[in-house]
Amino acid sequence: MTIDVWMQHPTVRLAQHEMLAPLRRWTGMEAPSEELPIAMTIAAMDAAGVERGLLSAWVAPEGPLISNDEVAGFVAAHPDRLAGVAAVDLRDPVRAVRELRRCIRTLGFKALRVIPWLWGLPPNDRRYYPLYAECVELGVPFCTQVGHTGPLRSSETGRPIPYLDDVALDFPDLVIVAGHIGYPWTEEMIALARKYPNVHIDTSAYTTKRYPPELVRYMQRDGRRKVLFGSNYPMILPHRALEDLDSLGLDAEARALFLADNARRVFRLDDNGAARDRPAA
């Protein structure tokens, strides 16, 4: 079984955004002019043997690029294959907390994701902190992006140290999943995953043959329970992300943990995608 923890079903609003111009250039993808059917995403999962995908909303300062209700609609169409990840407006922490509660309690979402470069605010900014406390109370992970920024925005907010280090210190009970590996600060990200029991890494935005050697060593050894598979679909198709999986040299246990078991535990998923009645990590 494979679970993809970083996916988004693109809306025209997101796909045509000017900040994604470098990604369109690198991938050769053209921005769609009309909304794409969710069946397209399911087909991409099927082609890679991905049985479950965590589908995220996108909220930016100019408004929702993929709204939480749009994600809820996608999940409702394929509840056995998809689970939702919330996004909120950082500029209004009170409303953001209320929206997070609605997404988890009413829509059944599994996590919150905030992408720091979208806001130009590192994750130790005070505006995040009410959301961290609410994630702990709700028992859901906080997902974020680390490493350099591919879109046309500053990369500074993606440095794991000091920004994510501060968060993990201030919120030891907060389960953190840091996507995009952390390159070129991969060693910093691994150091945080080693330091804090509740800090994890996901491999989204990288194909297996591009994983930094230090991350591969970590996955083979003491980090086998701390790294989760993610593709960053549609920027990278899941089957492309997994093409050279055997080259990682993972034993059977490490491979199973990476592809599904870590995600199932961290996001509290059972075999039917429902929440487990146990701590998040």
C-alpha atoms as a PDB file:
ATOM      1  CA  MET A   1       0.000   0.000   0.000  1.00  0.00           C
ATOM      2  CA  THR A   2       1.138   3.563  -0.715  1.00  0.00           C
ATOM      3  CA  ILE A   3      -0.174   6.784   0.840  1.00  0.00           C
ATOM      4  CA  ASP A   4       0.746  10.124  -0.763  1.00  0.00           C
ATOM      5  CA  VAL A   5       0.771  12.803   1.930  1.00  0.00           C
ATOM      6  CA  TRP A   6       1.285  15.899  -0.278  1.00  0.00           C
ATOM      7  CA  MET A   7      -1.157  16.304  -3.153  1.00  0.00           C
ATOM      8  CA  GLN A   8      -3.430  18.985  -4.473  1.00  0.00           C
ATOM      9  CA  HIS A   9      -6.122  18.791  -7.131  1.00  0.00           C
ATOM     10  CA  PRO A  10      -5.408  22.017  -9.025  1.00  0.00           C
ATOM     11  CA  THR A  11      -8.021  24.649  -9.688  1.00  0.00           C
ATOM     12  CA  VAL A  12      -7.605  27.075 -12.569  1.00  0.00           C
ATOM     13  CA  ARG A  13      -6.917  29.797  -9.964  1.00  0.00           C
ATOM     14  CA  LEU A  14      -3.906  27.917  -8.628  1.00  0.00           C
ATOM     15  CA  ALA A  15      -2.616  26.511 -11.905  1.00  0.00           C
ATOM     16  CA  GLN A  16      -2.582  29.892 -13.662  1.00  0.00           C
ATOM     17  CA  HIS A  17      -1.017  31.845 -10.794  1.00  0.00           C
ATOM     18  CA  GLU A  18       2.048  33.870 -11.792  1.00  0.00           C
ATOM     19  CA  MET A  19       4.127  32.517  -8.910  1.00  0.00           C
ATOM     20  CA  LEU A  20       4.032  29.029 -10.441  1.00  0.00           C
ATOM     21  CA  ALA A  21       5.604  30.128 -13.731  1.00  0.00           C
ATOM     22  CA  PRO A  22       8.983  28.498 -12.891  1.00  0.00           C
ATOM     23  CA  LEU A  23       7.287  25.182 -12.124  1.00  0.00           C
ATOM     24  CA  ARG A  24       5.372  25.285 -15.390  1.00  0.00           C
ATOM     25  CA  ARG A  25       8.643  25.984 -17.200  1.00  0.00           C
ATOM     26  CA  TRP A  26      10.538  23.141 -15.453  1.00  0.00           C
ATOM     27  CA  THR A  27       7.791  20.559 -15.900  1.00  0.00           C
ATOM     28  CA  GLY A  28       6.561  21.627 -19.337  1.00  0.00           C
ATOM     29  CA  MET A  29       3.011  21.691 -17.977  1.00  0.00           C
ATOM     30  CA  GLU A  30       0.497  24.147 -19.396  1.00  0.00           C
ATOM     31  CA  ALA A  31      -1.978  25.791 -17.069  1.00  0.00           C
ATOM     32  CA  PRO A  32      -5.520  24.546 -17.756  1.00  0.00           C
ATOM     33  CA  SER A  33      -8.139  26.996 -18.938  1.00  0.00           C
ATOM     34  CA  GLU A  34     -11.033  25.087 -17.363  1.00  0.00           C
ATOM     35  CA  GLU A  35     -11.511  23.092 -14.187  1.00  0.00           C
ATOM     36  CA  LEU A  36     -10.170  19.550 -14.269  1.00  0.00           C
ATOM     37  CA  PRO A  37     -12.203  16.515 -13.122  1.00  0.00           C
ATOM     38  CA  ILE A  38     -11.176  14.840  -9.890  1.00  0.00           C
ATOM     39  CA  ALA A  39     -11.115  11.583 -11.869  1.00  0.00           C
ATOM     40  CA  MET A  40      -7.829  12.834 -13.356  1.00  0.00           C
ATOM     41  CA  THR A  41      -6.200  12.802  -9.912  1.00  0.00           C
ATOM     42  CA  ILE A  42      -7.609   9.363  -9.103  1.00  0.00           C
ATOM     43  CA  ALA A  43      -6.214   8.051 -12.402  1.00  0.00           C
ATOM     44  CA  ALA A  44      -2.768   9.421 -11.535  1.00  0.00           C
ATOM     45  CA  MET A  45      -2.952   7.648  -8.171  1.00  0.00           C
ATOM     46  CA  ASP A  46      -4.012   4.402  -9.842  1.00  0.00           C
ATOM     47  CA  ALA A  47      -1.070   4.585 -12.260  1.00  0.00           C
ATOM     48  CA  ALA A  48       1.335   4.695  -9.311  1.00  0.00           C
ATOM     49  CA  GLY A  49      -0.435   2.213  -7.036  1.00  0.00           C
ATOM     50  CA  VAL A  50      -1.294   4.994  -4.572  1.00  0.00           C
ATOM     51  CA  GLU A  51      -4.300   3.858  -2.587  1.00  0.00           C
ATOM     52  CA  ARG A  52      -4.800   6.969  -0.458  1.00  0.00           C
ATOM     53  CA  GLY A  53      -3.960  10.619  -1.043  1.00  0.00           C
ATOM     54  CA  LEU A  54      -4.011  13.597   1.313  1.00  0.00           C
ATOM     55  CA  LEU A  55      -5.433  16.465  -0.710  1.00  0.00           C
ATOM     56  CA  SER A  56      -4.722  19.985   0.522  1.00  0.00           C
ATOM     57  CA  ALA A  57      -6.457  23.300   0.194  1.00  0.00           C
ATOM     58  CA  TRP A  58      -4.393  26.399  -0.673  1.00  0.00           C
ATOM     59  CA  VAL A  59      -5.098  29.771   0.917  1.00  0.00           C
ATOM     60  CA  ALA A  60      -2.954  32.775  -0.041  1.00  0.00           C
ATOM     61  CA  PRO A  61      -3.094  36.449   0.954  1.00  0.00           C
ATOM     62  CA  GLU A  62      -5.304  37.172  -2.077  1.00  0.00           C
ATOM     63  CA  GLY A  63      -7.764  34.452  -1.060  1.00  0.00           C
ATOM     64  CA  PRO A  64      -8.381  30.720  -1.543  1.00  0.00           C
ATOM     65  CA  LEU A  65      -6.594  29.207  -4.542  1.00  0.00           C
ATOM     66  CA  ILE A  66      -8.159  25.856  -3.609  1.00  0.00           C
ATOM     67  CA  SER A  67     -10.818  26.332  -0.938  1.00  0.00           C
ATOM     68  CA  ASN A  68     -11.472  23.960   1.936  1.00  0.00           C
ATOM     69  CA  ASP A  69     -14.992  23.378   0.634  1.00  0.00           C
ATOM     70  CA  GLU A  70     -13.650  22.493  -2.813  1.00  0.00           C
ATOM     71  CA  VAL A  71     -11.355  19.925  -1.193  1.00  0.00           C
ATOM     72  CA  ALA A  72     -14.281  18.592   0.823  1.00  0.00           C
ATOM     73  CA  GLY A  73     -16.182  18.104  -2.437  1.00  0.00           C
ATOM     74  CA  PHE A  74     -13.282  16.181  -3.985  1.00  0.00           C
ATOM     75  CA  VAL A  75     -13.024  13.969  -0.916  1.00  0.00           C
ATOM     76  CA  ALA A  76     -16.778  13.357  -0.858  1.00  0.00           C
ATOM     77  CA  ALA A  77     -16.563  12.065  -4.420  1.00  0.00           C
ATOM     78  CA  HIS A  78     -13.890   9.494  -3.455  1.00  0.00           C
ATOM     79  CA  PRO A  79     -13.942   9.079   0.341  1.00  0.00           C
ATOM     80  CA  ASP A  80     -12.133   5.739   0.196  1.00  0.00           C
ATOM     81  CA  ARG A  81      -9.212   7.259  -1.742  1.00  0.00           C
ATOM     82  CA  LEU A  82      -8.847  10.849  -0.532  1.00  0.00           C
ATOM     83  CA  ALA A  83      -8.578  12.725   2.754  1.00  0.00           C
ATOM     84  CA  GLY A  84      -8.585  16.490   3.249  1.00  0.00           C
ATOM     85  CA  VAL A  85      -5.927  18.848   4.595  1.00  0.00           C
ATOM     86  CA  ALA A  86      -7.065  22.321   5.659  1.00  0.00           C
ATOM     87  CA  ALA A  87      -5.615  25.722   4.788  1.00  0.00           C
ATOM     88  CA  VAL A  88      -6.443  29.022   6.508  1.00  0.00           C
ATOM     89  CA  ASP A  89      -5.816  32.778   6.327  1.00  0.00           C
ATOM     90  CA  LEU A  90      -2.900  33.599   8.630  1.00  0.00           C
ATOM     91  CA  ARG A  91      -3.756  37.302   8.748  1.00  0.00           C
ATOM     92  CA  ASP A  92      -6.810  36.693  10.951  1.00  0.00           C
ATOM     93  CA  PRO A  93      -5.820  34.153  13.647  1.00  0.00           C
ATOM     94  CA  VAL A  94      -9.222  34.018  15.345  1.00  0.00           C
ATOM     95  CA  ARG A  95     -11.101  33.246  12.145  1.00  0.00           C
ATOM     96  CA  ALA A  96      -8.294  30.908  11.118  1.00  0.00           C
ATOM     97  CA  VAL A  97      -8.727  28.857  14.288  1.00  0.00           C
ATOM     98  CA  ARG A  98     -12.492  28.724  13.770  1.00  0.00           C
ATOM     99  CA  GLU A  99     -12.005  27.567  10.172  1.00  0.00           C
ATOM    100  CA  LEU A 100      -9.531  24.910  11.275  1.00  0.00           C
ATOM    101  CA  ARG A 101     -12.058  23.603  13.803  1.00  0.00           C
ATOM    102  CA  ARG A 102     -14.747  23.475  11.107  1.00  0.00           C
ATOM    103  CA  CYS A 103     -12.477  21.606   8.734  1.00  0.00           C
ATOM    104  CA  ILE A 104     -11.519  18.971  11.303  1.00  0.00           C
ATOM    105  CA  ARG A 105     -14.792  18.569  13.181  1.00  0.00           C
ATOM    106  CA  THR A 106     -17.327  19.093  10.387  1.00  0.00           C
ATOM    107  CA  LEU A 107     -15.487  18.271   7.157  1.00  0.00           C
ATOM    108  CA  GLY A 108     -13.432  15.433   8.634  1.00  0.00           C
ATOM    109  CA  PHE A 109     -10.047  16.743   7.484  1.00  0.00           C
ATOM    110  CA  LYS A 110      -6.874  15.151   8.859  1.00  0.00           C
ATOM    111  CA  ALA A 111      -4.380  18.027   9.173  1.00  0.00           C
ATOM    112  CA  LEU A 112      -3.576  21.699   8.673  1.00  0.00           C
ATOM    113  CA  ARG A 113      -1.092  22.872   6.063  1.00  0.00           C
ATOM    114  CA  VAL A 114       0.454  26.340   5.897  1.00  0.00           C
ATOM    115  CA  ILE A 115       3.091  27.178   3.287  1.00  0.00           C
ATOM    116  CA  PRO A 116       5.293  29.905   4.793  1.00  0.00           C
ATOM    117  CA  TRP A 117       6.539  31.410   1.528  1.00  0.00           C
ATOM    118  CA  LEU A 118       2.948  32.124   0.468  1.00  0.00           C
ATOM    119  CA  TRP A 119       2.707  34.551   3.380  1.00  0.00           C
ATOM    120  CA  GLY A 120       6.319  35.701   3.655  1.00  0.00           C
ATOM    121  CA  LEU A 121       6.157  34.636   7.306  1.00  0.00           C
ATOM    122  CA  PRO A 122       8.397  31.961   8.868  1.00  0.00           C
ATOM    123  CA  PRO A 123       6.667  29.327  10.999  1.00  0.00           C
ATOM    124  CA  ASN A 124       7.861  30.898  14.280  1.00  0.00           C
ATOM    125  CA  ASP A 125       5.851  34.062  13.561  1.00  0.00           C
ATOM    126  CA  ARG A 126       3.307  34.798  16.285  1.00  0.00           C
ATOM    127  CA  ARG A 127       0.394  34.532  13.849  1.00  0.00           C
ATOM    128  CA  TYR A 128       0.884  30.779  13.583  1.00  0.00           C
ATOM    129  CA  TYR A 129       0.847  30.100  17.317  1.00  0.00           C
ATOM    130  CA  PRO A 130      -2.922  29.986  17.957  1.00  0.00           C
ATOM    131  CA  LEU A 131      -3.148  27.441  15.138  1.00  0.00           C
ATOM    132  CA  TYR A 132      -0.438  25.282  16.682  1.00  0.00           C
ATOM    133  CA  ALA A 133      -2.275  25.222  19.998  1.00  0.00           C
ATOM    134  CA  GLU A 134      -5.512  24.286  18.217  1.00  0.00           C
ATOM    135  CA  CYS A 135      -3.798  21.504  16.244  1.00  0.00           C
ATOM    136  CA  VAL A 136      -2.634  20.016  19.535  1.00  0.00           C
ATOM    137  CA  GLU A 137      -6.126  20.250  21.007  1.00  0.00           C
ATOM    138  CA  LEU A 138      -7.701  18.707  17.898  1.00  0.00           C
ATOM    139  CA  GLY A 139      -5.044  15.994  17.667  1.00  0.00           C
ATOM    140  CA  VAL A 140      -4.044  16.761  14.065  1.00  0.00           C
ATOM    141  CA  PRO A 141      -0.627  17.362  12.477  1.00  0.00           C
ATOM    142  CA  PHE A 142       0.687  20.669  11.212  1.00  0.00           C
ATOM    143  CA  CYS A 143       2.114  20.312   7.692  1.00  0.00           C
ATOM    144  CA  THR A 144       4.464  22.856   6.176  1.00  0.00           C
ATOM    145  CA  GLN A 145       7.158  23.353   3.542  1.00  0.00           C
ATOM    146  CA  VAL A 146      10.901  23.428   4.183  1.00  0.00           C
ATOM    147  CA  GLY A 147      13.816  24.057   1.850  1.00  0.00           C
ATOM    148  CA  HIS A 148      14.190  26.402  -1.070  1.00  0.00           C
ATOM    149  CA  THR A 149      11.175  27.848  -2.844  1.00  0.00           C
ATOM    150  CA  GLY A 150      10.574  26.804  -6.444  1.00  0.00           C
ATOM    151  CA  PRO A 151       7.858  29.408  -7.129  1.00  0.00           C
ATOM    152  CA  LEU A 152       8.683  33.107  -7.445  1.00  0.00           C
ATOM    153  CA  ARG A 153       8.910  33.820  -3.732  1.00  0.00           C
ATOM    154  CA  SER A 154      11.724  34.098  -1.173  1.00  0.00           C
ATOM    155  CA  SER A 155      13.262  30.877   0.168  1.00  0.00           C
ATOM    156  CA  GLU A 156      14.218  32.278   3.584  1.00  0.00           C
ATOM    157  CA  THR A 157      11.032  31.090   5.306  1.00  0.00           C
ATOM    158  CA  GLY A 158      11.954  27.484   4.417  1.00  0.00           C
ATOM    159  CA  ARG A 159      15.037  27.279   6.632  1.00  0.00           C
ATOM    160  CA  PRO A 160      14.441  24.576   9.288  1.00  0.00           C
ATOM    161  CA  ILE A 161      16.796  26.251  11.783  1.00  0.00           C
ATOM    162  CA  PRO A 162      15.926  28.513  13.513  1.00  0.00           C
ATOM    163  CA  TYR A 163      12.302  28.782  12.401  1.00  0.00           C
ATOM    164  CA  LEU A 164      10.910  25.252  12.731  1.00  0.00           C
ATOM    165  CA  ASP A 165      13.324  24.548  15.594  1.00  0.00           C
ATOM    166  CA  ASP A 166      11.638  27.321  17.601  1.00  0.00           C
ATOM    167  CA  VAL A 167       8.185  25.893  16.912  1.00  0.00           C
ATOM    168  CA  ALA A 168       9.126  22.383  18.016  1.00  0.00           C
ATOM    169  CA  LEU A 169      10.648  23.793  21.207  1.00  0.00           C
ATOM    170  CA  ASP A 170       7.567  25.878  22.016  1.00  0.00           C
ATOM    171  CA  PHE A 171       5.056  23.131  21.110  1.00  0.00           C
ATOM    172  CA  PRO A 172       6.534  19.734  22.021  1.00  0.00           C
ATOM    173  CA  ASP A 173       3.131  18.046  21.606  1.00  0.00           C
ATOM    174  CA  LEU A 174       2.598  19.433  18.095  1.00  0.00           C
ATOM    175  CA  VAL A 175       3.014  16.814  15.376  1.00  0.00           C
ATOM    176  CA  ILE A 176       4.910  18.467  12.505  1.00  0.00           C
ATOM    177  CA  VAL A 177       5.290  17.100   8.974  1.00  0.00           C
ATOM    178  CA  ALA A 178       7.823  19.119   6.981  1.00  0.00           C
ATOM    179  CA  GLY A 179       7.413  18.653   3.241  1.00  0.00           C
ATOM    180  CA  HIS A 180       9.879  19.065   0.371  1.00  0.00           C
ATOM    181  CA  ILE A 181      12.799  17.481   2.280  1.00  0.00           C
ATOM    182  CA  GLY A 182      14.486  20.753   3.267  1.00  0.00           C
ATOM    183  CA  TYR A 183      17.141  20.993   0.545  1.00  0.00           C
ATOM    184  CA  PRO A 184      19.621  22.739   0.589  1.00  0.00           C
ATOM    185  CA  TRP A 185      19.272  22.556   4.370  1.00  0.00           C
ATOM    186  CA  THR A 186      18.598  18.815   4.450  1.00  0.00           C
ATOM    187  CA  GLU A 187      21.016  18.152   7.308  1.00  0.00           C
ATOM    188  CA  GLU A 188      19.236  20.799   9.381  1.00  0.00           C
ATOM    189  CA  MET A 189      15.882  19.118   8.740  1.00  0.00           C
ATOM    190  CA  ILE A 190      17.231  15.691   9.645  1.00  0.00           C
ATOM    191  CA  ALA A 191      18.740  17.172  12.810  1.00  0.00           C
ATOM    192  CA  LEU A 192      15.301  18.436  13.860  1.00  0.00           C
ATOM    193  CA  ALA A 193      13.652  15.084  13.090  1.00  0.00           C
ATOM    194  CA  ARG A 194      16.271  13.391  15.280  1.00  0.00           C
ATOM    195  CA  LYS A 195      15.945  15.986  18.040  1.00  0.00           C
ATOM    196  CA  TYR A 196      12.153  16.054  18.352  1.00  0.00           C
ATOM    197  CA  PRO A 197       9.949  12.937  18.569  1.00  0.00           C
ATOM    198  CA  ASN A 198       7.038  14.676  16.841  1.00  0.00           C
ATOM    199  CA  VAL A 199       8.921  16.169  13.864  1.00  0.00           C
ATOM    200  CA  HIS A 200       8.732  14.281  10.559  1.00  0.00           C
ATOM    201  CA  ILE A 201       9.850  14.799   6.963  1.00  0.00           C
ATOM    202  CA  ASP A 202       7.946  14.150   3.750  1.00  0.00           C
ATOM    203  CA  THR A 203       9.628  13.705   0.384  1.00  0.00           C
ATOM    204  CA  SER A 204       7.243  15.736  -1.793  1.00  0.00           C
ATOM    205  CA  ALA A 205       8.633  17.677  -4.776  1.00  0.00           C
ATOM    206  CA  TYR A 206      11.480  15.160  -5.270  1.00  0.00           C
ATOM    207  CA  THR A 207      11.756  11.950  -7.249  1.00  0.00           C
ATOM    208  CA  THR A 208      13.515   9.125  -5.430  1.00  0.00           C
ATOM    209  CA  LYS A 209      16.678   9.457  -7.532  1.00  0.00           C
ATOM    210  CA  ARG A 210      17.006  13.082  -6.367  1.00  0.00           C
ATOM    211  CA  TYR A 211      16.817  12.381  -2.632  1.00  0.00           C
ATOM    212  CA  PRO A 212      19.962  13.771  -0.966  1.00  0.00           C
ATOM    213  CA  PRO A 213      22.307  10.970   0.202  1.00  0.00           C
ATOM    214  CA  GLU A 214      22.047  12.076   3.827  1.00  0.00           C
ATOM    215  CA  LEU A 215      18.264  11.626   3.702  1.00  0.00           C
ATOM    216  CA  VAL A 216      18.582   8.147   2.175  1.00  0.00           C
ATOM    217  CA  ARG A 217      20.985   7.107   4.962  1.00  0.00           C
ATOM    218  CA  TYR A 218      18.537   8.464   7.539  1.00  0.00           C
ATOM    219  CA  MET A 219      15.659   6.484   5.975  1.00  0.00           C
ATOM    220  CA  GLN A 220      17.728   3.297   5.980  1.00  0.00           C
ATOM    221  CA  ARG A 221      18.760   3.646   9.612  1.00  0.00           C
ATOM    222  CA  ASP A 222      17.389   5.606  12.570  1.00  0.00           C
ATOM    223  CA  GLY A 223      14.934   7.696  10.514  1.00  0.00           C
ATOM    224  CA  ARG A 224      12.851   4.847   9.165  1.00  0.00           C
ATOM    225  CA  ARG A 225       9.866   5.930  11.280  1.00  0.00           C
ATOM    226  CA  LYS A 226      10.266   9.646  10.545  1.00  0.00           C
ATOM    227  CA  VAL A 227      10.047   9.970   6.726  1.00  0.00           C
ATOM    228  CA  LEU A 228       6.784   9.851   4.713  1.00  0.00           C
ATOM    229  CA  PHE A 229       6.194   9.608   0.983  1.00  0.00           C
ATOM    230  CA  GLY A 230       4.767  12.625  -0.820  1.00  0.00           C
ATOM    231  CA  SER A 231       4.713  13.495  -4.512  1.00  0.00           C
ATOM    232  CA  ASN A 232       3.603  17.151  -4.778  1.00  0.00           C
ATOM    233  CA  TYR A 233       1.075  16.106  -7.429  1.00  0.00           C
ATOM    234  CA  PRO A 234       0.352  17.501 -10.015  1.00  0.00           C
ATOM    235  CA  MET A 235       3.807  19.120 -10.214  1.00  0.00           C
ATOM    236  CA  ILE A 236       5.291  15.609  -9.987  1.00  0.00           C
ATOM    237  CA  LEU A 237       3.146  12.605 -10.861  1.00  0.00           C
ATOM    238  CA  PRO A 238       3.235   9.898  -8.183  1.00  0.00           C
ATOM    239  CA  HIS A 239       4.542   7.227 -10.558  1.00  0.00           C
ATOM    240  CA  ARG A 240       7.468   9.489 -11.500  1.00  0.00           C
ATOM    241  CA  ALA A 241       8.180  10.226  -7.851  1.00  0.00           C
ATOM    242  CA  LEU A 242       8.516   6.483  -7.165  1.00  0.00           C
ATOM    243  CA  GLU A 243      10.299   5.357 -10.353  1.00  0.00           C
ATOM    244  CA  ASP A 244      13.641   4.523  -8.714  1.00  0.00           C
ATOM    245  CA  LEU A 245      12.342   3.362  -5.347  1.00  0.00           C
ATOM    246  CA  ASP A 246      14.505   0.213  -5.355  1.00  0.00           C
ATOM    247  CA  SER A 247      17.664   2.328  -5.624  1.00  0.00           C
ATOM    248  CA  LEU A 248      17.095   3.625  -2.083  1.00  0.00           C
ATOM    249  CA  GLY A 249      18.195   0.280  -0.655  1.00  0.00           C
ATOM    250  CA  LEU A 250      15.431   0.165   1.962  1.00  0.00           C
ATOM    251  CA  ASP A 251      14.761  -3.138   3.686  1.00  0.00           C
ATOM    252  CA  ALA A 252      11.187  -4.456   3.763  1.00  0.00           C
ATOM    253  CA  GLU A 253      10.313  -2.776   7.061  1.00  0.00           C
ATOM    254  CA  ALA A 254      11.767   0.617   6.113  1.00  0.00           C
ATOM    255  CA  ARG A 255      10.039   0.504   2.726  1.00  0.00           C
ATOM    256  CA  ALA A 256       6.627  -0.255   4.241  1.00  0.00           C
ATOM    257  CA  LEU A 257       7.053   2.476   6.836  1.00  0.00           C
ATOM    258  CA  PHE A 258       8.051   5.039   4.211  1.00  0.00           C
ATOM    259  CA  LEU A 259       5.301   4.236   1.724  1.00  0.00           C
ATOM    260  CA  ALA A 260       2.337   3.946   4.074  1.00  0.00           C
ATOM    261  CA  ASP A 261       2.777   2.934   7.699  1.00  0.00           C
ATOM    262  CA  ASN A 262       4.303   6.207   8.898  1.00  0.00           C
ATOM    263  CA  ALA A 263       1.558   8.210   7.193  1.00  0.00           C
ATOM    264  CA  ARG A 264      -1.137   5.960   8.647  1.00  0.00           C
ATOM    265  CA  ARG A 265       0.258   6.489  12.146  1.00  0.00           C
ATOM    266  CA  VAL A 266       1.036  10.213  11.919  1.00  0.00           C
ATOM    267  CA  PHE A 267      -2.273  11.201  10.281  1.00  0.00           C
ATOM    268  CA  ARG A 268      -4.272   8.694  12.323  1.00  0.00           C
ATOM    269  CA  LEU A 269      -5.659   6.831   9.346  1.00  0.00           C
ATOM    270  CA  ASP A 270      -7.120   3.364   9.583  1.00  0.00           C
ATOM    271  CA  ASP A 271      -7.506   1.062   6.594  1.00  0.00           C
ATOM    272  CA  ASN A 272     -10.703   2.860   5.606  1.00  0.00           C
ATOM    273  CA  GLY A 273      -9.280   6.362   5.995  1.00  0.00           C
ATOM    274  CA  ALA A 274     -11.079   7.129   9.259  1.00  0.00           C
ATOM    275  CA  ALA A 275      -9.433   8.674  12.284  1.00  0.00           C
ATOM    276  CA  ARG A 276      -7.950   6.312  14.812  1.00  0.00           C
ATOM    277  CA  ASP A 277      -8.736   6.839  18.484  1.00  0.00           C
ATOM    278  CA  ARG A 278      -5.106   7.233  19.570  1.00  0.00           C
ATOM    279  CA  PRO A 279      -2.408   9.922  19.779  1.00  0.00           C
ATOM    280  CA  ALA A 280      -1.198  11.396  16.479  1.00  0.00           C
ATOM    281  CA  ALA A 281       2.354  10.129  16.931  1.00  0.00           C
END
